Amino acid sequence: MSTKARIEQLANTDGVSASSAVRPTARAFPARRKSRSGLSLVEVIVSIAILLMMSVSVGAVFGSGIELRTILEDRDVATRAARAALSTIRRELQLAYLTDQTQSLEFYQTVFVGLDGSTDTLYFATRGHQRLYRDTRESDQSEVTLWTESARDGSRGYTLYHRESARVDGEPGEGGRVYPLAMNVRSFELRYLDGITDEWQTEWDSRSPDFANRLPRAVQIGLVLIGVDPQDDTRTVDIPFFTTVMLQYADPLPRQGMSLAAPPGGGSQPTAPTAPLRGGRGPGAQPNIPRGNPSALGGGRR
């Protein structure tokens, strides 16, 4: 018996038609109403407030990270600049020399003069000159001056300048090319080791009777730069760099040894020298190096 026939038989037995047995009425399955409920005004305001708080927190985190990165980049730039400056000074000081034939007529007497002040100044001749251009009429000898001046262009503290002249003459503080070695300098301090007394000196003059035509055995360099405090960008901190340079052409130390104690940190607030340095002396004459500002020289900054 087919399924349709069985349904009709059951419907006839109960007195119900087959159509009504198969198709349910609308009342048996009432239609579902669509839900139209939404967020209230209070819920919307609270959601927006939470979103704003999260945005402010994320922005503060990113802002602090960017600010710290800027400070660390400035610190890295200062560190690399100080290392480059000390590398240049170290290479030239290692090959500093003095002329031996001081009684000859046709010669220019070389000097090694270190002046002590709020910031130090150094004049010397070196055999560490490097020729930058081929076929130039230069040798490995040159005159070098190191000094500081008040910072310009919005920098802090002082600027360490380097002057090098490829011509060794009777004017150890004039001519040549001048360029800055380091910016934002707090202090630039030098000390000189006497190879005879085995004592550190704050000044050195190879023309004086105490250091007559002698080089110091070693030179201690203290360079302190000004950096931004990572914890407070409105404050500054000192970034010290110290090194000791042994001079190759200096007299050897006595056998009892020497003391290479670290120079005292910090240093007094620098003040750039102001008196001009003048010369105009010929071969065989002793160079005249008064305390002065090498930037006021006739050669000028080029």
C-alpha atoms as a PDB file:
ATOM      1  CA  MET A   1       0.000   0.000   0.000  1.00  0.00           C
ATOM      2  CA  SER A   2       1.371   3.391  -0.926  1.00  0.00           C
ATOM      3  CA  THR A   3       1.979   6.134   1.598  1.00  0.00           C
ATOM      4  CA  LYS A   4      -0.791   8.341   0.211  1.00  0.00           C
ATOM      5  CA  ALA A   5      -3.282   5.542   0.477  1.00  0.00           C
ATOM      6  CA  ARG A   6      -2.310   4.863   4.075  1.00  0.00           C
ATOM      7  CA  ILE A   7      -2.740   8.528   4.993  1.00  0.00           C
ATOM      8  CA  GLU A   8      -6.206   8.622   3.413  1.00  0.00           C
ATOM      9  CA  GLN A   9      -7.178   5.451   5.254  1.00  0.00           C
ATOM     10  CA  LEU A  10      -6.088   6.899   8.614  1.00  0.00           C
ATOM     11  CA  ALA A  11      -7.851  10.169   7.925  1.00  0.00           C
ATOM     12  CA  ASN A  12     -11.094   8.403   6.990  1.00  0.00           C
ATOM     13  CA  THR A  13     -10.847   6.287  10.103  1.00  0.00           C
ATOM     14  CA  ASP A  14     -10.576   9.399  12.401  1.00  0.00           C
ATOM     15  CA  GLY A  15     -13.093  11.438  10.400  1.00  0.00           C
ATOM     16  CA  VAL A  16     -10.548  13.979   9.239  1.00  0.00           C
ATOM     17  CA  SER A  17      -9.818  14.821   5.618  1.00  0.00           C
ATOM     18  CA  ALA A  18      -6.438  14.033   4.157  1.00  0.00           C
ATOM     19  CA  SER A  19      -5.751  17.667   3.237  1.00  0.00           C
ATOM     20  CA  SER A  20      -6.281  18.876   6.782  1.00  0.00           C
ATOM     21  CA  ALA A  21      -4.106  16.047   8.153  1.00  0.00           C
ATOM     22  CA  VAL A  22      -1.171  16.834   5.897  1.00  0.00           C
ATOM     23  CA  ARG A  23      -1.247  20.705   5.968  1.00  0.00           C
ATOM     24  CA  PRO A  24      -1.015  22.267   9.424  1.00  0.00           C
ATOM     25  CA  THR A  25      -3.099  25.300  10.183  1.00  0.00           C
ATOM     26  CA  ALA A  26      -1.638  28.798  10.706  1.00  0.00           C
ATOM     27  CA  ARG A  27      -2.645  28.748  14.370  1.00  0.00           C
ATOM     28  CA  ALA A  28      -0.485  25.681  15.028  1.00  0.00           C
ATOM     29  CA  PHE A  29       2.741  27.614  14.053  1.00  0.00           C
ATOM     30  CA  PRO A  30       2.352  31.329  14.786  1.00  0.00           C
ATOM     31  CA  ALA A  31       4.700  33.719  12.858  1.00  0.00           C
ATOM     32  CA  ARG A  32       7.855  34.969  14.672  1.00  0.00           C
ATOM     33  CA  ARG A  33       8.214  38.699  15.198  1.00  0.00           C
ATOM     34  CA  LYS A  34      11.463  40.354  14.125  1.00  0.00           C
ATOM     35  CA  SER A  35      13.567  41.803  17.001  1.00  0.00           C
ATOM     36  CA  ARG A  36      14.055  45.583  16.651  1.00  0.00           C
ATOM     37  CA  SER A  37      15.819  46.305  19.979  1.00  0.00           C
ATOM     38  CA  GLY A  38      19.159  48.503  19.864  1.00  0.00           C
ATOM     39  CA  LEU A  39      21.674  50.410  22.048  1.00  0.00           C
ATOM     40  CA  SER A  40      20.431  53.142  24.263  1.00  0.00           C
ATOM     41  CA  LEU A  41      21.972  56.635  24.314  1.00  0.00           C
ATOM     42  CA  VAL A  42      23.769  55.933  27.576  1.00  0.00           C
ATOM     43  CA  GLU A  43      25.364  52.782  26.145  1.00  0.00           C
ATOM     44  CA  VAL A  44      26.571  54.684  23.077  1.00  0.00           C
ATOM     45  CA  ILE A  45      28.143  57.424  25.233  1.00  0.00           C
ATOM     46  CA  VAL A  46      29.907  54.872  27.442  1.00  0.00           C
ATOM     47  CA  SER A  47      31.288  53.032  24.396  1.00  0.00           C
ATOM     48  CA  ILE A  48      32.623  56.253  22.890  1.00  0.00           C
ATOM     49  CA  ALA A  49      34.239  57.220  26.228  1.00  0.00           C
ATOM     50  CA  ILE A  50      35.996  53.840  26.492  1.00  0.00           C
ATOM     51  CA  LEU A  51      37.234  54.132  22.904  1.00  0.00           C
ATOM     52  CA  LEU A  52      38.612  57.620  23.566  1.00  0.00           C
ATOM     53  CA  MET A  53      40.415  56.474  26.720  1.00  0.00           C
ATOM     54  CA  MET A  54      42.045  53.609  24.831  1.00  0.00           C
ATOM     55  CA  SER A  55      43.085  55.950  22.012  1.00  0.00           C
ATOM     56  CA  VAL A  56      44.653  58.424  24.456  1.00  0.00           C
ATOM     57  CA  SER A  57      46.561  55.633  26.218  1.00  0.00           C
ATOM     58  CA  VAL A  58      47.908  54.230  22.953  1.00  0.00           C
ATOM     59  CA  GLY A  59      48.867  57.721  21.763  1.00  0.00           C
ATOM     60  CA  ALA A  60      50.732  58.437  25.010  1.00  0.00           C
ATOM     61  CA  VAL A  61      52.676  55.194  24.713  1.00  0.00           C
ATOM     62  CA  PHE A  62      53.652  55.946  21.115  1.00  0.00           C
ATOM     63  CA  GLY A  63      54.565  59.540  21.996  1.00  0.00           C
ATOM     64  CA  SER A  64      56.829  58.446  24.856  1.00  0.00           C
ATOM     65  CA  GLY A  65      58.493  55.886  22.608  1.00  0.00           C
ATOM     66  CA  ILE A  66      59.168  58.451  19.880  1.00  0.00           C
ATOM     67  CA  GLU A  67      60.521  60.969  22.407  1.00  0.00           C
ATOM     68  CA  LEU A  68      62.817  58.383  24.006  1.00  0.00           C
ATOM     69  CA  ARG A  69      64.027  57.336  20.561  1.00  0.00           C
ATOM     70  CA  THR A  70      64.877  60.952  19.722  1.00  0.00           C
ATOM     71  CA  ILE A  71      66.827  61.366  22.972  1.00  0.00           C
ATOM     72  CA  LEU A  72      68.736  58.125  22.410  1.00  0.00           C
ATOM     73  CA  GLU A  73      69.513  59.129  18.828  1.00  0.00           C
ATOM     74  CA  ASP A  74      70.914  62.452  20.071  1.00  0.00           C
ATOM     75  CA  ARG A  75      72.982  60.578  22.647  1.00  0.00           C
ATOM     76  CA  ASP A  76      74.261  58.224  19.944  1.00  0.00           C
ATOM     77  CA  VAL A  77      75.174  61.149  17.674  1.00  0.00           C
ATOM     78  CA  ALA A  78      77.077  62.810  20.538  1.00  0.00           C
ATOM     79  CA  THR A  79      78.896  59.562  21.344  1.00  0.00           C
ATOM     80  CA  ARG A  80      79.943  58.977  17.754  1.00  0.00           C
ATOM     81  CA  ALA A  81      81.070  62.612  17.382  1.00  0.00           C
ATOM     82  CA  ALA A  82      83.158  62.393  20.569  1.00  0.00           C
ATOM     83  CA  ARG A  83      84.769  59.141  19.464  1.00  0.00           C
ATOM     84  CA  ALA A  84      85.614  60.599  16.067  1.00  0.00           C
ATOM     85  CA  ALA A  85      87.092  63.728  17.675  1.00  0.00           C
ATOM     86  CA  LEU A  86      89.176  61.729  20.153  1.00  0.00           C
ATOM     87  CA  SER A  87      90.344  59.434  17.366  1.00  0.00           C
ATOM     88  CA  THR A  88      91.596  62.416  15.357  1.00  0.00           C
ATOM     89  CA  ILE A  89      93.342  63.982  18.366  1.00  0.00           C
ATOM     90  CA  ARG A  90      94.871  60.652  19.398  1.00  0.00           C
ATOM     91  CA  ARG A  91      96.304  59.959  15.941  1.00  0.00           C
ATOM     92  CA  GLU A  92      97.901  63.409  15.690  1.00  0.00           C
ATOM     93  CA  LEU A  93      99.231  63.466  19.249  1.00  0.00           C
ATOM     94  CA  GLN A  94     100.861  60.070  18.893  1.00  0.00           C
ATOM     95  CA  LEU A  95     103.039  61.483  16.096  1.00  0.00           C
ATOM     96  CA  ALA A  96     103.754  64.887  17.661  1.00  0.00           C
ATOM     97  CA  TYR A  97     107.397  65.914  17.282  1.00  0.00           C
ATOM     98  CA  LEU A  98     109.894  68.712  17.971  1.00  0.00           C
ATOM     99  CA  THR A  99     112.774  69.904  15.796  1.00  0.00           C
ATOM    100  CA  ASP A 100     116.160  68.754  17.100  1.00  0.00           C
ATOM    101  CA  GLN A 101     118.399  71.257  15.282  1.00  0.00           C
ATOM    102  CA  THR A 102     117.483  74.267  17.372  1.00  0.00           C
ATOM    103  CA  GLN A 103     120.788  76.068  16.607  1.00  0.00           C
ATOM    104  CA  SER A 104     120.415  75.999  12.820  1.00  0.00           C
ATOM    105  CA  LEU A 105     119.611  79.180  10.950  1.00  0.00           C
ATOM    106  CA  GLU A 106     117.349  78.000   8.120  1.00  0.00           C
ATOM    107  CA  PHE A 107     114.655  76.217  10.059  1.00  0.00           C
ATOM    108  CA  TYR A 108     111.359  76.863  11.796  1.00  0.00           C
ATOM    109  CA  GLN A 109     111.309  75.811  15.412  1.00  0.00           C
ATOM    110  CA  THR A 110     108.381  73.573  16.234  1.00  0.00           C
ATOM    111  CA  VAL A 111     106.653  73.829  19.605  1.00  0.00           C
ATOM    112  CA  PHE A 112     104.426  71.851  21.908  1.00  0.00           C
ATOM    113  CA  VAL A 113     102.454  74.323  24.013  1.00  0.00           C
ATOM    114  CA  GLY A 114      99.491  73.434  26.199  1.00  0.00           C
ATOM    115  CA  LEU A 115      97.739  76.345  27.914  1.00  0.00           C
ATOM    116  CA  ASP A 116      95.600  75.708  30.979  1.00  0.00           C
ATOM    117  CA  GLY A 117      92.376  77.645  31.395  1.00  0.00           C
ATOM    118  CA  SER A 118      88.688  77.151  31.922  1.00  0.00           C
ATOM    119  CA  THR A 119      89.060  75.143  28.697  1.00  0.00           C
ATOM    120  CA  ASP A 120      92.513  74.141  27.483  1.00  0.00           C
ATOM    121  CA  THR A 121      94.294  75.126  24.276  1.00  0.00           C
ATOM    122  CA  LEU A 122      97.023  73.091  22.574  1.00  0.00           C
ATOM    123  CA  TYR A 123      99.533  73.947  19.823  1.00  0.00           C
ATOM    124  CA  PHE A 124     101.844  71.275  18.391  1.00  0.00           C
ATOM    125  CA  ALA A 125     103.473  69.933  15.230  1.00  0.00           C
ATOM    126  CA  THR A 126     102.712  66.399  14.068  1.00  0.00           C
ATOM    127  CA  ARG A 127     103.756  63.872  11.468  1.00  0.00           C
ATOM    128  CA  GLY A 128     100.258  62.494  11.198  1.00  0.00           C
ATOM    129  CA  HIS A 129      99.040  64.697   8.350  1.00  0.00           C
ATOM    130  CA  GLN A 130      97.078  62.855   5.672  1.00  0.00           C
ATOM    131  CA  ARG A 131      97.029  64.127   2.101  1.00  0.00           C
ATOM    132  CA  LEU A 132      93.527  64.265   0.707  1.00  0.00           C
ATOM    133  CA  TYR A 133      94.416  65.131  -2.893  1.00  0.00           C
ATOM    134  CA  ARG A 134      96.926  63.513  -5.201  1.00  0.00           C
ATOM    135  CA  ASP A 135     100.034  65.406  -6.299  1.00  0.00           C
ATOM    136  CA  THR A 136      99.574  68.072  -3.645  1.00  0.00           C
ATOM    137  CA  ARG A 137     102.771  69.662  -2.361  1.00  0.00           C
ATOM    138  CA  GLU A 138     102.333  68.429   1.172  1.00  0.00           C
ATOM    139  CA  SER A 139     104.204  66.043   3.459  1.00  0.00           C
ATOM    140  CA  ASP A 140     103.192  64.125   6.552  1.00  0.00           C
ATOM    141  CA  GLN A 141     104.103  67.136   8.719  1.00  0.00           C
ATOM    142  CA  SER A 142     101.610  69.775   9.797  1.00  0.00           C
ATOM    143  CA  GLU A 143     100.768  72.227  12.549  1.00  0.00           C
ATOM    144  CA  VAL A 144      97.693  71.608  14.702  1.00  0.00           C
ATOM    145  CA  THR A 145      95.759  73.792  17.127  1.00  0.00           C
ATOM    146  CA  LEU A 146      92.940  72.665  19.415  1.00  0.00           C
ATOM    147  CA  TRP A 147      90.719  75.153  21.263  1.00  0.00           C
ATOM    148  CA  THR A 148      87.109  75.887  22.190  1.00  0.00           C
ATOM    149  CA  GLU A 149      84.722  78.769  21.544  1.00  0.00           C
ATOM    150  CA  SER A 150      81.233  79.644  22.669  1.00  0.00           C
ATOM    151  CA  ALA A 151      78.666  77.568  20.820  1.00  0.00           C
ATOM    152  CA  ARG A 152      76.668  79.031  17.954  1.00  0.00           C
ATOM    153  CA  ASP A 153      73.542  78.063  15.998  1.00  0.00           C
ATOM    154  CA  GLY A 154      71.585  77.148  19.130  1.00  0.00           C
ATOM    155  CA  SER A 155      74.062  74.570  20.457  1.00  0.00           C
ATOM    156  CA  ARG A 156      74.802  74.208  24.146  1.00  0.00           C
ATOM    157  CA  GLY A 157      78.088  74.939  25.883  1.00  0.00           C
ATOM    158  CA  TYR A 158      81.099  75.249  23.625  1.00  0.00           C
ATOM    159  CA  THR A 159      82.427  74.000  20.305  1.00  0.00           C
ATOM    160  CA  LEU A 160      85.787  72.254  20.022  1.00  0.00           C
ATOM    161  CA  TYR A 161      87.702  73.496  16.961  1.00  0.00           C
ATOM    162  CA  HIS A 162      90.608  71.920  15.083  1.00  0.00           C
ATOM    163  CA  ARG A 163      93.027  73.886  12.932  1.00  0.00           C
ATOM    164  CA  GLU A 164      95.584  72.167  10.715  1.00  0.00           C
ATOM    165  CA  SER A 165      98.136  73.814   8.482  1.00  0.00           C
ATOM    166  CA  ALA A 166     100.084  71.649   6.043  1.00  0.00           C
ATOM    167  CA  ARG A 167     102.940  74.192   6.128  1.00  0.00           C
ATOM    168  CA  VAL A 168     105.166  74.153   9.210  1.00  0.00           C
ATOM    169  CA  ASP A 169     106.355  77.727   9.757  1.00  0.00           C
ATOM    170  CA  GLY A 170     107.068  80.215  12.510  1.00  0.00           C
ATOM    171  CA  GLU A 171     103.366  80.871  13.108  1.00  0.00           C
ATOM    172  CA  PRO A 172     101.999  77.745  14.815  1.00  0.00           C
ATOM    173  CA  GLY A 173      98.631  79.394  15.363  1.00  0.00           C
ATOM    174  CA  GLU A 174      97.919  80.914  11.955  1.00  0.00           C
ATOM    175  CA  GLY A 175      96.690  79.767   8.542  1.00  0.00           C
ATOM    176  CA  GLY A 176      95.467  76.342   7.601  1.00  0.00           C
ATOM    177  CA  ARG A 177      91.986  74.900   7.617  1.00  0.00           C
ATOM    178  CA  VAL A 178      89.656  75.189  10.604  1.00  0.00           C
ATOM    179  CA  TYR A 179      86.674  72.935  11.269  1.00  0.00           C
ATOM    180  CA  PRO A 180      84.677  71.892  14.365  1.00  0.00           C
ATOM    181  CA  LEU A 181      85.534  68.588  15.997  1.00  0.00           C
ATOM    182  CA  ALA A 182      82.751  68.380  18.578  1.00  0.00           C
ATOM    183  CA  MET A 183      79.617  70.339  19.481  1.00  0.00           C
ATOM    184  CA  ASN A 184      77.849  70.834  22.836  1.00  0.00           C
ATOM    185  CA  VAL A 185      81.116  70.681  24.783  1.00  0.00           C
ATOM    186  CA  ARG A 186      81.002  71.217  28.540  1.00  0.00           C
ATOM    187  CA  SER A 187      84.753  71.050  29.128  1.00  0.00           C
ATOM    188  CA  PHE A 188      87.978  70.140  27.342  1.00  0.00           C
ATOM    189  CA  GLU A 189      90.810  69.324  29.770  1.00  0.00           C
ATOM    190  CA  LEU A 190      94.373  68.168  29.071  1.00  0.00           C
ATOM    191  CA  ARG A 191      97.140  66.907  31.352  1.00  0.00           C
ATOM    192  CA  TYR A 192     100.739  66.135  30.435  1.00  0.00           C
ATOM    193  CA  LEU A 193     103.030  63.464  31.901  1.00  0.00           C
ATOM    194  CA  ASP A 194     106.589  64.651  32.516  1.00  0.00           C
ATOM    195  CA  GLY A 195     108.952  61.837  31.561  1.00  0.00           C
ATOM    196  CA  ILE A 196     111.645  63.064  33.983  1.00  0.00           C
ATOM    197  CA  THR A 197     109.681  63.760  37.164  1.00  0.00           C
ATOM    198  CA  ASP A 198     106.936  61.219  36.420  1.00  0.00           C
ATOM    199  CA  GLU A 199     104.305  63.802  37.398  1.00  0.00           C
ATOM    200  CA  TRP A 200     101.230  65.096  35.620  1.00  0.00           C
ATOM    201  CA  GLN A 201     101.312  68.750  34.608  1.00  0.00           C
ATOM    202  CA  THR A 202      98.364  71.020  33.768  1.00  0.00           C
ATOM    203  CA  GLU A 203     100.476  73.132  31.381  1.00  0.00           C
ATOM    204  CA  TRP A 204     103.344  72.420  28.989  1.00  0.00           C
ATOM    205  CA  ASP A 205     105.600  74.744  27.046  1.00  0.00           C
ATOM    206  CA  SER A 206     108.560  73.306  25.127  1.00  0.00           C
ATOM    207  CA  ARG A 207     110.145  76.787  25.035  1.00  0.00           C
ATOM    208  CA  SER A 208     110.329  77.142  28.828  1.00  0.00           C
ATOM    209  CA  PRO A 209     113.412  76.106  30.858  1.00  0.00           C
ATOM    210  CA  ASP A 210     111.439  73.421  32.705  1.00  0.00           C
ATOM    211  CA  PHE A 211     110.419  71.617  29.501  1.00  0.00           C
ATOM    212  CA  ALA A 212     113.186  72.818  27.175  1.00  0.00           C
ATOM    213  CA  ASN A 213     112.524  71.302  23.761  1.00  0.00           C
ATOM    214  CA  ARG A 214     110.887  68.230  25.331  1.00  0.00           C
ATOM    215  CA  LEU A 215     107.621  66.458  24.657  1.00  0.00           C
ATOM    216  CA  PRO A 216     105.421  65.038  27.394  1.00  0.00           C
ATOM    217  CA  ARG A 217     105.550  61.262  27.564  1.00  0.00           C
ATOM    218  CA  ALA A 218     101.750  61.016  27.574  1.00  0.00           C
ATOM    219  CA  VAL A 219      98.718  63.287  27.325  1.00  0.00           C
ATOM    220  CA  GLN A 220      95.439  62.708  29.102  1.00  0.00           C
ATOM    221  CA  ILE A 221      92.363  64.039  27.306  1.00  0.00           C
ATOM    222  CA  GLY A 222      89.098  64.748  29.083  1.00  0.00           C
ATOM    223  CA  LEU A 223      86.158  65.689  26.870  1.00  0.00           C
ATOM    224  CA  VAL A 224      82.735  66.230  28.467  1.00  0.00           C
ATOM    225  CA  LEU A 225      79.702  66.733  26.233  1.00  0.00           C
ATOM    226  CA  ILE A 226      76.233  68.007  27.131  1.00  0.00           C
ATOM    227  CA  GLY A 227      73.359  65.581  26.511  1.00  0.00           C
ATOM    228  CA  VAL A 228      69.620  65.468  27.167  1.00  0.00           C
ATOM    229  CA  ASP A 229      68.474  63.620  30.276  1.00  0.00           C
ATOM    230  CA  PRO A 230      66.466  60.550  29.133  1.00  0.00           C
ATOM    231  CA  GLN A 231      64.195  60.861  32.197  1.00  0.00           C
ATOM    232  CA  ASP A 232      63.525  64.585  31.797  1.00  0.00           C
ATOM    233  CA  ASP A 233      64.012  66.254  28.423  1.00  0.00           C
ATOM    234  CA  THR A 234      64.084  69.704  30.077  1.00  0.00           C
ATOM    235  CA  ARG A 235      67.320  68.835  31.893  1.00  0.00           C
ATOM    236  CA  THR A 236      70.807  68.022  30.649  1.00  0.00           C
ATOM    237  CA  VAL A 237      73.434  65.511  31.732  1.00  0.00           C
ATOM    238  CA  ASP A 238      77.189  65.359  31.231  1.00  0.00           C
ATOM    239  CA  ILE A 239      78.610  62.648  28.948  1.00  0.00           C
ATOM    240  CA  PRO A 240      82.327  62.239  29.804  1.00  0.00           C
ATOM    241  CA  PHE A 241      85.002  60.740  27.559  1.00  0.00           C
ATOM    242  CA  PHE A 242      88.573  60.166  28.739  1.00  0.00           C
ATOM    243  CA  THR A 243      91.623  58.693  27.046  1.00  0.00           C
ATOM    244  CA  THR A 244      95.416  58.634  27.452  1.00  0.00           C
ATOM    245  CA  VAL A 245      97.738  59.057  24.461  1.00  0.00           C
ATOM    246  CA  MET A 246     101.379  57.944  24.471  1.00  0.00           C
ATOM    247  CA  LEU A 247     103.670  60.115  22.320  1.00  0.00           C
ATOM    248  CA  GLN A 248     106.004  58.040  20.145  1.00  0.00           C
ATOM    249  CA  TYR A 249     108.728  60.677  19.757  1.00  0.00           C
ATOM    250  CA  ALA A 250     108.905  61.586  23.451  1.00  0.00           C
ATOM    251  CA  ASP A 251     111.737  60.551  25.746  1.00  0.00           C
ATOM    252  CA  PRO A 252     111.107  57.201  27.455  1.00  0.00           C
ATOM    253  CA  LEU A 253     110.020  57.080  31.063  1.00  0.00           C
ATOM    254  CA  PRO A 254     112.360  56.019  33.860  1.00  0.00           C
ATOM    255  CA  ARG A 255     112.302  52.345  34.747  1.00  0.00           C
ATOM    256  CA  GLN A 256     110.539  52.791  38.076  1.00  0.00           C
ATOM    257  CA  GLY A 257     107.255  53.098  36.178  1.00  0.00           C
ATOM    258  CA  MET A 258     104.672  55.754  35.716  1.00  0.00           C
ATOM    259  CA  SER A 259     101.218  56.650  36.963  1.00  0.00           C
ATOM    260  CA  LEU A 260      98.355  56.764  34.501  1.00  0.00           C
ATOM    261  CA  ALA A 261      95.622  57.720  36.901  1.00  0.00           C
ATOM    262  CA  ALA A 262      92.338  58.791  35.367  1.00  0.00           C
ATOM    263  CA  PRO A 263      91.875  62.552  35.180  1.00  0.00           C
ATOM    264  CA  PRO A 264      89.314  64.075  37.512  1.00  0.00           C
ATOM    265  CA  GLY A 265      85.829  64.091  36.035  1.00  0.00           C
ATOM    266  CA  GLY A 266      83.675  67.015  35.228  1.00  0.00           C
ATOM    267  CA  GLY A 267      85.673  70.231  35.049  1.00  0.00           C
ATOM    268  CA  SER A 268      84.919  73.886  35.438  1.00  0.00           C
ATOM    269  CA  GLN A 269      82.605  75.789  33.151  1.00  0.00           C
ATOM    270  CA  PRO A 270      84.605  76.699  30.002  1.00  0.00           C
ATOM    271  CA  THR A 271      85.261  80.257  28.949  1.00  0.00           C
ATOM    272  CA  ALA A 272      86.658  80.829  25.488  1.00  0.00           C
ATOM    273  CA  PRO A 273      89.939  82.817  25.328  1.00  0.00           C
ATOM    274  CA  THR A 274      89.590  86.247  23.804  1.00  0.00           C
ATOM    275  CA  ALA A 275      93.083  87.724  23.291  1.00  0.00           C
ATOM    276  CA  PRO A 276      94.333  87.406  19.689  1.00  0.00           C
ATOM    277  CA  LEU A 277      97.389  85.351  18.799  1.00  0.00           C
ATOM    278  CA  ARG A 278      99.857  87.216  16.597  1.00  0.00           C
ATOM    279  CA  GLY A 279     103.164  86.215  15.078  1.00  0.00           C
ATOM    280  CA  GLY A 280     105.201  87.381  12.104  1.00  0.00           C
ATOM    281  CA  ARG A 281     108.538  85.795  12.959  1.00  0.00           C
ATOM    282  CA  GLY A 282     111.025  84.409  10.443  1.00  0.00           C
ATOM    283  CA  PRO A 283     113.111  81.209  10.240  1.00  0.00           C
ATOM    284  CA  GLY A 284     115.200  80.442  13.297  1.00  0.00           C
ATOM    285  CA  ALA A 285     113.137  82.692  15.570  1.00  0.00           C
ATOM    286  CA  GLN A 286     111.285  81.258  18.526  1.00  0.00           C
ATOM    287  CA  PRO A 287     107.517  81.228  17.973  1.00  0.00           C
ATOM    288  CA  ASN A 288     105.499  83.564  20.119  1.00  0.00           C
ATOM    289  CA  ILE A 289     102.361  81.930  21.544  1.00  0.00           C
ATOM    290  CA  PRO A 290     100.590  84.143  24.085  1.00  0.00           C
ATOM    291  CA  ARG A 291      97.317  83.063  25.603  1.00  0.00           C
ATOM    292  CA  GLY A 292      94.721  83.826  22.988  1.00  0.00           C
ATOM    293  CA  ASN A 293      91.900  82.807  20.731  1.00  0.00           C
ATOM    294  CA  PRO A 294      93.189  81.028  17.577  1.00  0.00           C
ATOM    295  CA  SER A 295      90.019  82.047  15.701  1.00  0.00           C
ATOM    296  CA  ALA A 296      91.243  85.656  15.698  1.00  0.00           C
ATOM    297  CA  LEU A 297      94.281  84.740  13.590  1.00  0.00           C
ATOM    298  CA  GLY A 298      95.133  86.384  10.338  1.00  0.00           C
ATOM    299  CA  GLY A 299      94.466  83.141   8.421  1.00  0.00           C
ATOM    300  CA  GLY A 300      90.885  83.007   9.633  1.00  0.00           C
ATOM    301  CA  ARG A 301      88.402  80.179   9.323  1.00  0.00           C
ATOM    302  CA  ARG A 302      88.038  78.793   5.797  1.00  0.00           C
END
